[in-house]
Amino acid sequence: MRLGIDLGGSKIEIIALGDDGQALLRRRVATPQGDYPATLQAVAGLVIAAESELGRRGTLGIGIPGSESQASGLIKNANSTCLIGQPLRQDLQSLLQREVRLANDANCFALSEAIDGSGRDAEIVFGVILGTGVGGGIVVRQQVLTGANGIAGEWGHNPLPLPDTADLPLPACYCGRAGCVETYLSGPGMSADHRRHNGATLSAEQIEQRAAAGDAACEATLQRYEARLGRALAGIINVLDPQVIVLGGGLSKMQRLYRNLPERCGPHIFSDVFCNRILPPAHGDSSGVRGAAWLWN
């Protein structure tokens, strides 16, 4: 039995998978906001309760909104800030008396889709998170690629390629840089872009809905978004050339992306053909927690 936990900013979810990948149990609790010791206890409580209910012990993988430093073992780059600087894996191993595997939540998403999701027949899968932030994960032959610094796939903090006049001035990013992919391609990034060009404050969901109803300004915002996403993904394709790119996060539900992105990527890739498949996730919002369980693969 494989146990997976998605340690999010608002909720902590656990799943138990059998050998065939079928879910045996799913539970969730609210994340203790800003309280590291209580977060440890919440994770341990979910594990103990799940194993008690199912009557057996499982391996444990955890997806986190950050990464583990290769040098110190401490958590870095986490938007759940109470985790930053903490020896999360070591503390959980002591608490639960077993080995724990940790990975970035975007890596878990990509792994889930590579094993038994939309990328199950692909050698290389790039998993994209387009939500309140922008993240990515790389899976090669059903194994997560972490990299020397533990940041493989973190394309959201690369500069947006080929910025033109519609992209200027470069938006400031919380990471301290300006013009990061995340500042354009996240949900808040799309909303901010629409406000810069039109003066109206709308959510990404509202922009999509109004564009579908014929709003020309919202349609223009989506076209700028798709052009930027196409350029950014083309950079990934030129380096990795994944057979499958799976889109996740709230913005991945925009069905027009799957129709329009191949044409948007194509002119920027170093090839005479575009063979990469851009697909929605087979497991939807469950991919992250499933991928955490599959860290024991």
Protein backbone atom coordinates (compact mmCIF):
# COMPACT_ATOMS: atom_id res chain seq x y z
CA MET A 1 0.00 0.00 0.00
CA ARG A 2 1.25 3.46 -0.94
CA LEU A 3 0.20 6.50 1.10
CA GLY A 4 0.43 9.94 -0.45
CA ILE A 5 -0.07 13.32 1.19
CA ASP A 6 -0.63 16.66 -0.50
CA LEU A 7 0.52 19.25 2.04
CA GLY A 8 -1.18 22.40 0.80
CA GLY A 9 -1.57 25.85 2.21
CA SER A 10 -5.26 25.41 3.03
CA LYS A 11 -5.73 21.65 3.24
CA ILE A 12 -3.77 18.46 3.88
CA GLU A 13 -5.05 15.47 1.93
CA ILE A 14 -4.10 11.81 2.17
CA ILE A 15 -4.73 9.00 -0.31
CA ALA A 16 -4.02 5.27 -0.01
CA LEU A 17 -3.34 3.44 -3.27
CA GLY A 18 -3.38 -0.31 -3.75
CA ASP A 19 -0.89 -2.10 -6.00
CA ASP A 20 -3.18 -1.51 -8.98
CA GLY A 21 -3.30 2.25 -8.38
CA GLN A 22 -6.89 2.21 -7.16
CA ALA A 23 -7.74 4.54 -4.30
CA LEU A 24 -8.50 2.65 -1.08
CA LEU A 25 -9.10 5.76 1.05
CA ARG A 26 -9.07 9.54 0.83
CA ARG A 27 -9.29 12.00 3.71
CA ARG A 28 -8.48 15.68 4.21
CA VAL A 29 -8.14 18.16 7.06
CA ALA A 30 -7.56 21.90 7.20
CA THR A 31 -3.93 22.97 7.31
CA PRO A 32 -2.98 24.62 10.63
CA GLN A 33 -2.11 28.04 9.22
CA GLY A 34 1.41 29.15 10.06
CA ASP A 35 1.88 26.48 12.76
CA TYR A 36 4.71 24.07 11.96
CA PRO A 37 4.38 21.72 14.99
CA ALA A 38 0.62 21.47 14.44
CA THR A 39 1.23 20.72 10.75
CA LEU A 40 3.50 17.82 11.70
CA GLN A 41 0.83 16.45 14.03
CA ALA A 42 -1.87 16.84 11.39
CA VAL A 43 0.16 14.84 8.85
CA ALA A 44 0.98 12.14 11.39
CA GLY A 45 -2.65 11.97 12.48
CA LEU A 46 -3.83 11.37 8.91
CA VAL A 47 -1.29 8.59 8.42
CA ILE A 48 -2.09 6.84 11.69
CA ALA A 49 -5.84 7.07 11.12
CA ALA A 50 -5.59 5.77 7.53
CA GLU A 51 -3.46 2.79 8.51
CA SER A 52 -5.73 1.99 11.43
CA GLU A 53 -8.82 2.09 9.21
CA LEU A 54 -7.26 -0.06 6.48
CA GLY A 55 -5.48 -2.41 8.86
CA ARG A 56 -2.07 -2.24 7.23
CA ARG A 57 1.05 -0.10 6.98
CA GLY A 58 2.05 1.79 3.85
CA THR A 59 4.97 3.61 2.31
CA LEU A 60 4.67 7.39 2.59
CA GLY A 61 5.32 10.13 0.03
CA ILE A 62 4.54 13.81 0.55
CA GLY A 63 4.10 16.61 -1.95
CA ILE A 64 4.96 20.06 -0.65
CA PRO A 65 4.65 23.61 -2.03
CA GLY A 66 8.42 24.07 -2.07
CA SER A 67 11.52 21.89 -2.19
CA GLU A 68 14.12 20.34 0.07
CA SER A 69 17.61 21.85 0.03
CA GLN A 70 20.15 19.39 -1.33
CA ALA A 71 22.75 20.94 0.98
CA SER A 72 20.95 21.25 4.33
CA GLY A 73 17.83 19.10 4.07
CA LEU A 74 15.75 22.13 5.08
CA ILE A 75 12.68 23.29 3.17
CA LYS A 76 13.09 26.25 0.80
CA ASN A 77 10.96 28.15 -1.74
CA ALA A 78 7.71 27.21 0.03
CA ASN A 79 4.68 29.47 -0.22
CA SER A 80 3.55 27.84 3.04
CA THR A 81 6.12 29.94 4.83
CA CYS A 82 6.04 28.07 8.16
CA LEU A 83 7.80 25.20 6.37
CA ILE A 84 10.76 27.30 5.27
CA GLY A 85 13.97 26.43 7.10
CA GLN A 86 12.44 23.37 8.75
CA PRO A 87 13.78 19.78 8.59
CA LEU A 88 10.37 18.48 7.51
CA ARG A 89 11.41 15.07 6.25
CA GLN A 90 13.60 14.39 9.28
CA ASP A 91 10.87 15.48 11.70
CA LEU A 92 8.21 13.32 10.04
CA GLN A 93 10.53 10.31 9.93
CA SER A 94 11.13 10.67 13.65
CA LEU A 95 7.42 11.09 14.34
CA LEU A 96 6.26 8.18 12.17
CA GLN A 97 9.28 5.88 12.51
CA ARG A 98 9.72 5.19 8.80
CA GLU A 99 11.37 6.59 5.68
CA VAL A 100 9.48 9.49 4.12
CA ARG A 101 9.94 10.70 0.56
CA LEU A 102 9.35 14.37 -0.24
CA ALA A 103 8.89 16.12 -3.57
CA ASN A 104 7.63 19.42 -4.89
CA ASP A 105 3.88 19.30 -5.54
CA ALA A 106 4.37 20.03 -9.26
CA ASN A 107 6.73 17.05 -9.46
CA CYS A 108 4.05 14.92 -7.83
CA PHE A 109 1.49 16.13 -10.35
CA ALA A 110 3.80 15.26 -13.24
CA LEU A 111 4.64 11.85 -11.78
CA SER A 112 0.98 10.92 -11.34
CA GLU A 113 0.20 11.79 -14.93
CA ALA A 114 3.32 9.99 -16.19
CA ILE A 115 2.54 6.73 -14.40
CA ASP A 116 -1.15 6.19 -15.08
CA GLY A 117 -2.47 9.46 -16.44
CA SER A 118 -2.31 11.44 -19.67
CA GLY A 119 1.42 10.82 -20.09
CA ARG A 120 1.48 7.11 -19.25
CA ASP A 121 2.88 6.12 -22.66
CA ALA A 122 5.53 8.88 -22.80
CA GLU A 123 9.25 8.67 -22.06
CA ILE A 124 9.40 12.34 -20.99
CA VAL A 125 6.51 14.21 -19.39
CA PHE A 126 6.52 17.89 -18.45
CA GLY A 127 3.81 18.69 -15.91
CA VAL A 128 2.69 22.32 -15.76
CA ILE A 129 0.84 24.04 -12.92
CA LEU A 130 -1.09 27.13 -14.03
CA GLY A 131 -2.86 28.42 -10.92
CA THR A 132 -2.19 31.04 -8.29
CA GLY A 133 1.44 30.38 -9.19
CA VAL A 134 3.24 28.69 -12.07
CA GLY A 135 5.24 25.53 -11.48
CA GLY A 136 6.52 22.57 -13.38
CA GLY A 137 7.82 19.04 -12.95
CA ILE A 138 9.85 16.73 -15.17
CA VAL A 139 9.43 12.96 -15.24
CA VAL A 140 11.73 10.75 -17.31
CA ARG A 141 10.84 7.06 -17.70
CA GLN A 142 8.41 7.40 -14.77
CA GLN A 143 11.05 8.83 -12.43
CA VAL A 144 11.03 12.42 -11.14
CA LEU A 145 13.99 14.51 -12.28
CA THR A 146 15.04 16.69 -9.33
CA GLY A 147 18.35 18.20 -10.48
CA ALA A 148 21.53 19.27 -8.72
CA ASN A 149 19.76 22.03 -6.76
CA GLY A 150 16.40 20.29 -6.39
CA ILE A 151 14.72 22.82 -8.71
CA ALA A 152 14.35 20.94 -12.01
CA GLY A 153 11.18 22.04 -13.77
CA GLU A 154 10.87 25.40 -11.96
CA TRP A 155 10.22 27.28 -15.19
CA GLY A 156 7.90 29.82 -13.51
CA HIS A 157 10.88 31.93 -12.45
CA ASN A 158 12.55 32.09 -15.83
CA PRO A 159 12.07 35.33 -17.76
CA LEU A 160 9.19 35.41 -20.23
CA PRO A 161 10.79 34.81 -23.65
CA LEU A 162 10.75 37.53 -26.32
CA PRO A 163 8.76 40.23 -24.47
CA ASP A 164 7.16 42.74 -26.83
CA THR A 165 5.50 46.11 -26.23
CA ALA A 166 2.31 44.45 -24.92
CA ASP A 167 4.40 42.74 -22.22
CA LEU A 168 6.06 45.91 -20.92
CA PRO A 169 6.80 47.13 -18.36
CA LEU A 170 8.04 43.86 -16.88
CA PRO A 171 5.92 43.04 -13.80
CA ALA A 172 7.74 42.70 -10.49
CA CYS A 173 7.81 39.17 -9.04
CA TYR A 174 7.87 38.21 -5.36
CA CYS A 175 11.15 36.37 -6.00
CA GLY A 176 12.87 39.74 -6.44
CA ARG A 177 13.15 39.59 -10.23
CA ALA A 178 10.91 41.14 -12.88
CA GLY A 179 9.21 39.62 -15.91
CA CYS A 180 9.08 36.05 -14.60
CA VAL A 181 6.84 33.62 -16.47
CA GLU A 182 4.71 33.38 -13.31
CA THR A 183 3.89 37.09 -13.36
CA TYR A 184 2.16 36.62 -16.74
CA LEU A 185 0.86 33.05 -16.76
CA SER A 186 -0.60 32.61 -13.26
CA GLY A 187 -4.26 33.38 -12.62
CA PRO A 188 -3.37 36.62 -10.80
CA GLY A 189 -0.96 37.38 -13.66
CA MET A 190 -3.74 37.14 -16.24
CA SER A 191 -5.97 39.33 -14.08
CA ALA A 192 -3.21 41.93 -13.67
CA ASP A 193 -2.55 41.95 -17.42
CA HIS A 194 -6.22 42.57 -18.14
CA ARG A 195 -6.26 45.42 -15.62
CA ARG A 196 -3.14 47.02 -17.17
CA HIS A 197 -4.68 46.99 -20.64
CA ASN A 198 -8.32 47.71 -19.80
CA GLY A 199 -8.51 49.17 -16.30
CA ALA A 200 -11.02 46.53 -15.15
CA THR A 201 -10.35 44.05 -12.35
CA LEU A 202 -11.59 40.59 -13.33
CA SER A 203 -10.56 37.11 -12.26
CA ALA A 204 -9.16 34.67 -14.83
CA GLU A 205 -12.43 32.74 -14.68
CA GLN A 206 -14.45 35.90 -15.36
CA ILE A 207 -12.17 36.81 -18.27
CA GLU A 208 -12.70 33.38 -19.84
CA GLN A 209 -16.47 33.56 -19.37
CA ARG A 210 -16.76 37.06 -20.85
CA ALA A 211 -14.54 36.18 -23.79
CA ALA A 212 -16.79 33.22 -24.57
CA ALA A 213 -19.76 35.60 -24.50
CA GLY A 214 -18.14 37.88 -27.08
CA ASP A 215 -16.28 40.45 -24.96
CA ALA A 216 -13.51 41.70 -27.27
CA ALA A 217 -11.26 43.03 -24.48
CA CYS A 218 -11.37 39.72 -22.61
CA GLU A 219 -10.72 37.82 -25.84
CA ALA A 220 -7.65 39.99 -26.45
CA THR A 221 -6.41 39.20 -22.92
CA LEU A 222 -6.73 35.47 -23.57
CA GLN A 223 -4.94 35.78 -26.88
CA ARG A 224 -2.04 37.58 -25.19
CA TYR A 225 -2.03 34.87 -22.54
CA GLU A 226 -1.92 32.07 -25.12
CA ALA A 227 0.85 33.77 -27.08
CA ARG A 228 2.97 34.09 -23.94
CA LEU A 229 2.27 30.52 -22.84
CA GLY A 230 3.19 29.28 -26.31
CA ARG A 231 6.54 31.10 -26.23
CA ALA A 232 7.30 29.89 -22.72
CA LEU A 233 6.43 26.26 -23.50
CA ALA A 234 8.47 26.41 -26.71
CA GLY A 235 11.55 27.08 -24.58
CA ILE A 236 10.82 23.92 -22.59
CA ILE A 237 10.25 21.93 -25.78
CA ASN A 238 13.55 23.11 -27.31
CA VAL A 239 15.44 21.84 -24.24
CA LEU A 240 13.48 18.73 -23.12
CA ASP A 241 11.31 17.88 -26.14
CA PRO A 242 8.78 15.97 -23.99
CA GLN A 243 6.37 13.68 -25.77
CA VAL A 244 3.59 14.97 -23.49
CA ILE A 245 2.97 18.26 -21.70
CA VAL A 246 0.17 17.96 -19.13
CA LEU A 247 -1.48 21.15 -17.90
CA GLY A 248 -2.75 21.34 -14.33
CA GLY A 249 -4.02 24.02 -11.97
CA GLY A 250 -7.15 26.12 -12.30
CA LEU A 251 -6.28 27.64 -15.68
CA SER A 252 -5.79 24.18 -17.22
CA LYS A 253 -9.58 23.88 -17.31
CA MET A 254 -9.73 26.36 -20.21
CA GLN A 255 -10.41 23.98 -23.08
CA ARG A 256 -9.34 26.52 -25.69
CA LEU A 257 -5.71 26.08 -24.57
CA TYR A 258 -5.57 22.56 -25.98
CA ARG A 259 -6.87 23.77 -29.35
CA ASN A 260 -4.72 26.88 -29.63
CA LEU A 261 -1.36 26.15 -27.98
CA PRO A 262 0.18 23.92 -30.70
CA GLU A 263 -0.13 26.81 -33.16
CA ARG A 264 1.24 29.24 -30.57
CA CYS A 265 4.25 27.04 -29.74
CA GLY A 266 5.08 25.90 -33.27
CA PRO A 267 6.80 29.01 -34.67
CA HIS A 268 9.21 29.13 -31.73
CA ILE A 269 10.48 25.54 -31.70
CA PHE A 270 13.59 24.39 -33.56
CA SER A 271 11.82 21.81 -35.69
CA ASP A 272 9.90 21.47 -38.93
CA VAL A 273 7.06 19.59 -37.18
CA PHE A 274 5.23 19.86 -33.85
CA CYS A 275 4.81 16.36 -32.42
CA ASN A 276 4.44 17.22 -28.73
CA ARG A 277 1.02 16.55 -27.22
CA ILE A 278 -0.48 19.15 -24.86
CA LEU A 279 -3.13 17.43 -22.75
CA PRO A 280 -5.40 17.96 -19.73
CA PRO A 281 -4.73 15.84 -16.63
CA ALA A 282 -6.41 12.44 -16.48
CA HIS A 283 -6.70 12.65 -12.69
CA GLY A 284 -7.67 16.31 -12.39
CA ASP A 285 -7.25 17.77 -8.92
CA SER A 286 -6.26 14.33 -7.57
CA SER A 287 -2.99 14.15 -9.49
CA GLY A 288 -0.87 15.85 -6.83
CA VAL A 289 -1.79 13.54 -3.97
CA ARG A 290 -1.65 10.46 -6.23
CA GLY A 291 1.83 11.46 -7.37
CA ALA A 292 2.99 11.75 -3.77
CA ALA A 293 1.98 8.13 -3.25
CA TRP A 294 3.80 7.13 -6.47
CA LEU A 295 7.09 8.56 -5.12
CA TRP A 296 7.46 4.94 -4.01
CA ASN A 297 7.49 3.64 -7.58
